[in-house]
Amino acid sequence: MSTDSNRIESVASIIKESRGIVSLTGAGISTSAGIPDFRSPEEGLWAKDPSKMMLFTDVGFAGNPKGFYEFGREILPGFQNARPTLAHRFLSRLEQEDSFGLKCVITQNIDGLHQKAGSKNVIEMHGGLSTGRCTSRTCPKEFGLEDIIRRVEEGELPPLCPECGAVIRPDIVLFGEELPGGAYQRAVEYLKHCDLLLVMGSSLVVYPVADMPEVAMGHGARLIIINLQPTQYDSRADAAIRLPLDEVAEKLMETLGMAV
């Protein structure tokens, strides 16, 4: 049996033994669905065109919302057309089946694919694309993604609130902004009470999410990392597997007796 097979068997055993699992997911779980990875050294959007990263900062959006939406028009079809990967479905099954103990998914992603896969308890650390809001502090108007996309496709760049004329923005966390306090506190509470943190598709470099394994391990949890790139926690993990997530998810489902 190969080393990778041994590790997958070990991970399956740990999952079977655990009754309070929390999963932490990053961009790597969605790349096979066609969602671009923003940060990878060669294929990430920022590597291909670093200037685009500025548009996703709080200052960049405020100064050039038209540019933000022009770039968004290029990448939004990928988000709209994406379907959950096998890894997304694996986590959904871990939550749904009584014999397993997945309590929640904490995700850095904004694509909503965990919800599409059937996961119910999802904490979106960086917000989500499914909704948007008026940027005026005095206007409570909210918008659905389809409404925003329609406005953009009709050439409204940037889309403006019909109530007050201020710019509409998606409900995502831009670089330079603080994480939603409620989401972060909910995530920390789950981490304090979990017995296994299952990291999938995150390089664990963006703070404060990168500290979450420390929180979980500090309260006695075991740690499993499945990610193509090495992370700062690999040497401390109970298992670290550097294989494509869908490949690992398929083998885990087979080992755990789940229908693939």
Protein backbone atom coordinates (compact mmCIF):
# COMPACT_ATOMS: atom_id res chain seq x y z
CA MET A 1 0.00 0.00 0.00
CA SER A 2 1.40 3.41 -0.95
CA THR A 3 2.11 6.14 1.57
CA ASP A 4 -0.80 8.22 0.19
CA SER A 5 -3.15 5.26 0.54
CA ASN A 6 -1.99 4.75 4.12
CA ARG A 7 -2.65 8.39 4.90
CA ILE A 8 -6.13 8.26 3.38
CA GLU A 9 -6.91 5.13 5.42
CA SER A 10 -5.66 6.97 8.51
CA VAL A 11 -7.83 10.00 7.73
CA ALA A 12 -10.89 7.79 7.26
CA SER A 13 -10.25 6.18 10.65
CA ILE A 14 -9.92 9.56 12.36
CA ILE A 15 -13.18 10.76 10.75
CA LYS A 16 -14.97 7.62 11.98
CA GLU A 17 -13.72 8.22 15.51
CA SER A 18 -14.65 11.90 15.60
CA ARG A 19 -17.99 13.23 16.80
CA GLY A 20 -17.37 16.97 16.57
CA ILE A 21 -15.85 17.68 13.16
CA VAL A 22 -15.36 21.16 11.75
CA SER A 23 -14.12 21.67 8.19
CA LEU A 24 -12.19 24.72 7.04
CA THR A 25 -12.15 25.18 3.26
CA GLY A 26 -10.36 27.51 0.87
CA ALA A 27 -10.09 28.20 -2.84
CA GLY A 28 -8.60 24.78 -3.61
CA ILE A 29 -11.92 23.02 -3.05
CA SER A 30 -13.55 24.98 -5.89
CA THR A 31 -10.87 25.13 -8.60
CA SER A 32 -12.07 21.91 -10.26
CA ALA A 33 -15.50 23.56 -10.50
CA GLY A 34 -13.99 26.30 -12.66
CA ILE A 35 -13.71 28.91 -9.91
CA PRO A 36 -10.37 30.70 -10.25
CA ASP A 37 -7.83 30.56 -7.47
CA PHE A 38 -6.82 34.10 -6.61
CA ARG A 39 -3.50 33.42 -4.91
CA SER A 40 -1.69 30.39 -6.40
CA PRO A 41 1.81 31.26 -7.70
CA GLU A 42 1.22 30.34 -11.37
CA GLU A 43 -2.50 30.09 -12.12
CA GLY A 44 -3.99 32.51 -9.60
CA LEU A 45 -5.71 35.65 -10.85
CA TRP A 46 -3.32 37.88 -8.93
CA ALA A 47 -0.29 36.11 -10.45
CA LYS A 48 -1.67 36.60 -13.95
CA ASP A 49 -2.55 40.26 -13.43
CA PRO A 50 -1.47 41.75 -10.07
CA SER A 51 -3.14 45.07 -10.93
CA LYS A 52 -6.55 43.43 -10.56
CA MET A 53 -5.91 42.75 -6.88
CA MET A 54 -6.16 46.49 -6.14
CA LEU A 55 -9.75 46.48 -7.40
CA PHE A 56 -10.63 44.00 -4.65
CA THR A 57 -9.38 46.26 -1.86
CA ASP A 58 -11.63 48.63 0.04
CA VAL A 59 -9.69 51.60 -1.34
CA GLY A 60 -9.63 50.21 -4.88
CA PHE A 61 -13.36 49.55 -4.97
CA ALA A 62 -14.19 52.99 -3.58
CA GLY A 63 -11.90 54.68 -6.11
CA ASN A 64 -12.79 52.63 -9.17
CA PRO A 65 -16.08 50.74 -8.81
CA LYS A 66 -16.47 50.74 -12.60
CA GLY A 67 -13.17 48.88 -12.95
CA PHE A 68 -14.26 46.42 -10.26
CA TYR A 69 -17.41 45.57 -12.17
CA GLU A 70 -15.65 45.45 -15.53
CA PHE A 71 -13.34 42.81 -14.10
CA GLY A 72 -16.26 41.16 -12.35
CA ARG A 73 -18.07 40.84 -15.66
CA GLU A 74 -15.14 38.72 -16.90
CA ILE A 75 -15.12 36.28 -13.99
CA LEU A 76 -18.78 36.18 -12.89
CA PRO A 77 -19.87 33.60 -15.51
CA GLY A 78 -17.47 31.14 -13.92
CA PHE A 79 -19.17 31.60 -10.56
CA GLN A 80 -22.66 31.42 -12.07
CA ASN A 81 -21.99 28.23 -14.00
CA ALA A 82 -20.01 26.42 -11.31
CA ARG A 83 -21.37 23.22 -9.81
CA PRO A 84 -20.27 21.63 -6.52
CA THR A 85 -17.26 19.35 -6.71
CA LEU A 86 -17.01 15.87 -5.28
CA ALA A 87 -15.19 17.39 -2.31
CA HIS A 88 -18.13 19.74 -1.66
CA ARG A 89 -20.54 16.79 -1.83
CA PHE A 90 -18.32 14.76 0.50
CA LEU A 91 -18.59 17.42 3.21
CA SER A 92 -22.34 17.66 2.69
CA ARG A 93 -22.63 13.91 3.22
CA LEU A 94 -20.52 14.09 6.38
CA GLU A 95 -23.04 16.58 7.76
CA GLN A 96 -26.17 14.77 6.62
CA GLU A 97 -25.36 11.22 7.65
CA ASP A 98 -25.93 10.51 11.35
CA SER A 99 -22.95 8.17 11.61
CA PHE A 100 -20.56 11.08 11.05
CA GLY A 101 -20.02 14.16 13.17
CA LEU A 102 -19.53 17.19 10.90
CA LYS A 103 -20.96 20.17 12.77
CA CYS A 104 -20.16 23.02 10.39
CA VAL A 105 -18.13 24.18 7.41
CA ILE A 106 -16.08 27.35 7.79
CA THR A 107 -15.19 28.63 4.33
CA GLN A 108 -13.00 31.37 2.93
CA ASN A 109 -14.86 31.08 -0.39
CA ILE A 110 -17.56 33.39 -1.72
CA ASP A 111 -18.99 31.03 -4.36
CA GLY A 112 -21.85 29.41 -2.39
CA LEU A 113 -20.94 25.91 -3.62
CA HIS A 114 -21.16 24.36 -0.16
CA GLN A 115 -24.80 25.42 0.06
CA LYS A 116 -25.46 24.17 -3.48
CA ALA A 117 -23.99 20.81 -2.47
CA GLY A 118 -26.47 20.60 0.41
CA SER A 119 -24.41 21.75 3.40
CA LYS A 120 -26.68 23.52 5.90
CA ASN A 121 -24.37 25.00 8.52
CA VAL A 122 -21.90 27.09 6.54
CA ILE A 123 -19.99 30.05 7.97
CA GLU A 124 -18.77 32.34 5.17
CA MET A 125 -15.74 34.17 6.54
CA HIS A 126 -15.38 36.41 3.49
CA GLY A 127 -19.06 36.88 2.72
CA GLY A 128 -20.85 35.61 -0.37
CA LEU A 129 -21.74 36.63 -3.90
CA SER A 130 -25.40 35.70 -3.64
CA THR A 131 -26.43 39.11 -2.30
CA GLY A 132 -25.40 42.77 -2.48
CA ARG A 133 -26.20 46.04 -0.78
CA CYS A 134 -26.26 49.79 -1.27
CA THR A 135 -23.04 51.45 -0.11
CA SER A 136 -24.85 54.44 1.39
CA ARG A 137 -24.81 54.23 5.18
CA THR A 138 -28.32 55.65 5.34
CA CYS A 139 -29.90 53.36 2.72
CA PRO A 140 -30.88 49.80 3.76
CA LYS A 141 -31.59 48.59 0.21
CA GLU A 142 -30.41 45.02 -0.56
CA PHE A 143 -30.08 43.22 -3.87
CA GLY A 144 -29.92 39.67 -5.21
CA LEU A 145 -27.03 38.58 -7.42
CA GLU A 146 -29.26 38.19 -10.45
CA ASP A 147 -30.42 41.80 -10.17
CA ILE A 148 -26.83 43.02 -9.94
CA ILE A 149 -25.76 40.91 -12.92
CA ARG A 150 -28.70 42.15 -14.98
CA ARG A 151 -27.71 45.74 -14.34
CA VAL A 152 -24.10 45.06 -15.25
CA GLU A 153 -25.04 43.20 -18.43
CA GLU A 154 -27.23 46.13 -19.43
CA GLY A 155 -24.15 48.35 -19.21
CA GLU A 156 -24.76 49.94 -15.82
CA LEU A 157 -21.15 50.21 -14.66
CA PRO A 158 -21.14 50.47 -11.75
CA PRO A 159 -24.71 49.47 -10.88
CA LEU A 160 -26.45 52.12 -8.79
CA CYS A 161 -29.09 51.89 -6.10
CA PRO A 162 -32.49 52.93 -7.53
CA GLU A 163 -33.45 54.41 -4.16
CA CYS A 164 -30.55 56.79 -3.52
CA GLY A 165 -28.14 56.53 -6.46
CA ALA A 166 -25.19 55.16 -4.46
CA VAL A 167 -23.02 52.34 -5.81
CA ILE A 168 -24.17 48.76 -5.19
CA ARG A 169 -21.55 46.31 -3.93
CA PRO A 170 -21.62 42.54 -3.41
CA ASP A 171 -21.66 41.23 0.15
CA ILE A 172 -18.05 40.08 0.09
CA VAL A 173 -15.13 41.09 2.29
CA LEU A 174 -12.64 43.19 0.34
CA PHE A 175 -8.95 43.28 1.18
CA GLY A 176 -8.43 45.84 3.92
CA GLU A 177 -11.84 45.24 5.49
CA GLU A 178 -12.46 43.44 8.75
CA LEU A 179 -14.13 40.04 8.77
CA PRO A 180 -17.78 40.00 9.82
CA GLY A 181 -17.61 39.89 13.61
CA GLY A 182 -20.55 37.55 14.00
CA ALA A 183 -19.15 35.01 11.54
CA TYR A 184 -15.73 35.02 13.16
CA GLN A 185 -17.10 34.56 16.67
CA ARG A 186 -19.37 31.70 15.53
CA ALA A 187 -16.42 30.01 13.86
CA VAL A 188 -14.24 30.31 16.96
CA GLU A 189 -16.97 28.78 19.13
CA TYR A 190 -17.16 25.73 16.86
CA LEU A 191 -13.36 25.47 16.80
CA LYS A 192 -13.19 25.51 20.60
CA HIS A 193 -15.57 22.55 20.83
CA CYS A 194 -14.51 20.39 17.88
CA ASP A 195 -12.45 17.21 18.17
CA LEU A 196 -11.26 17.30 14.55
CA LEU A 197 -10.48 20.17 12.19
CA LEU A 198 -10.50 19.03 8.58
CA VAL A 199 -8.75 21.59 6.35
CA MET A 200 -9.46 21.23 2.63
CA GLY A 201 -8.02 23.42 -0.10
CA SER A 202 -6.55 26.19 2.03
CA SER A 203 -2.88 27.17 2.23
CA LEU A 204 -3.61 28.81 5.60
CA VAL A 205 -1.83 32.07 4.84
CA VAL A 206 -4.67 34.62 5.15
CA TYR A 207 -5.20 35.87 8.70
CA PRO A 208 -7.09 35.62 10.95
CA VAL A 209 -8.35 32.39 9.33
CA ALA A 210 -4.77 31.08 9.28
CA ASP A 211 -4.86 31.02 13.10
CA MET A 212 -7.90 28.74 13.24
CA PRO A 213 -5.92 25.46 13.39
CA GLU A 214 -4.10 26.89 16.40
CA VAL A 215 -7.43 27.60 18.11
CA ALA A 216 -8.73 24.09 17.45
CA MET A 217 -5.53 22.32 18.47
CA GLY A 218 -5.28 24.51 21.55
CA HIS A 219 -8.56 22.99 22.71
CA GLY A 220 -7.48 19.41 22.01
CA ALA A 221 -8.66 18.88 18.44
CA ARG A 222 -6.87 16.72 15.92
CA LEU A 223 -5.87 18.25 12.59
CA ILE A 224 -6.06 16.90 9.05
CA ILE A 225 -4.89 18.95 6.07
CA ILE A 226 -5.68 18.09 2.44
CA ASN A 227 -4.09 20.67 0.16
CA LEU A 228 -1.87 20.55 -2.91
CA GLN A 229 0.57 23.11 -1.50
CA PRO A 230 2.38 22.71 1.83
CA THR A 231 1.12 24.71 4.80
CA GLN A 232 2.73 25.99 7.98
CA TYR A 233 0.80 23.37 9.97
CA ASP A 234 1.72 20.21 8.00
CA SER A 235 4.37 19.06 10.49
CA ARG A 236 1.90 19.35 13.37
CA ALA A 237 -1.06 17.72 11.65
CA ASP A 238 -2.22 14.17 12.36
CA ALA A 239 -2.22 13.75 8.58
CA ALA A 240 -1.28 16.01 5.67
CA ILE A 241 -2.16 14.89 2.14
CA ARG A 242 -0.98 16.77 -0.96
CA LEU A 243 -3.26 15.33 -3.62
CA PRO A 244 -6.19 16.77 -5.62
CA LEU A 245 -9.15 17.16 -3.30
CA ASP A 246 -11.67 15.36 -5.50
CA GLU A 247 -9.34 12.36 -5.73
CA VAL A 248 -8.99 12.23 -1.95
CA ALA A 249 -12.71 12.82 -1.43
CA GLU A 250 -13.58 9.91 -3.74
CA LYS A 251 -11.24 7.54 -1.90
CA LEU A 252 -12.51 8.69 1.48
CA MET A 253 -16.12 8.16 0.43
CA GLU A 254 -15.32 4.66 -0.75
CA THR A 255 -13.43 3.86 2.46
CA LEU A 256 -16.21 5.29 4.63
CA GLY A 257 -18.89 3.37 2.74
CA MET A 258 -20.53 6.38 1.09
CA ALA A 259 -22.00 6.15 -2.39
CA VAL A 260 -19.82 8.22 -4.71
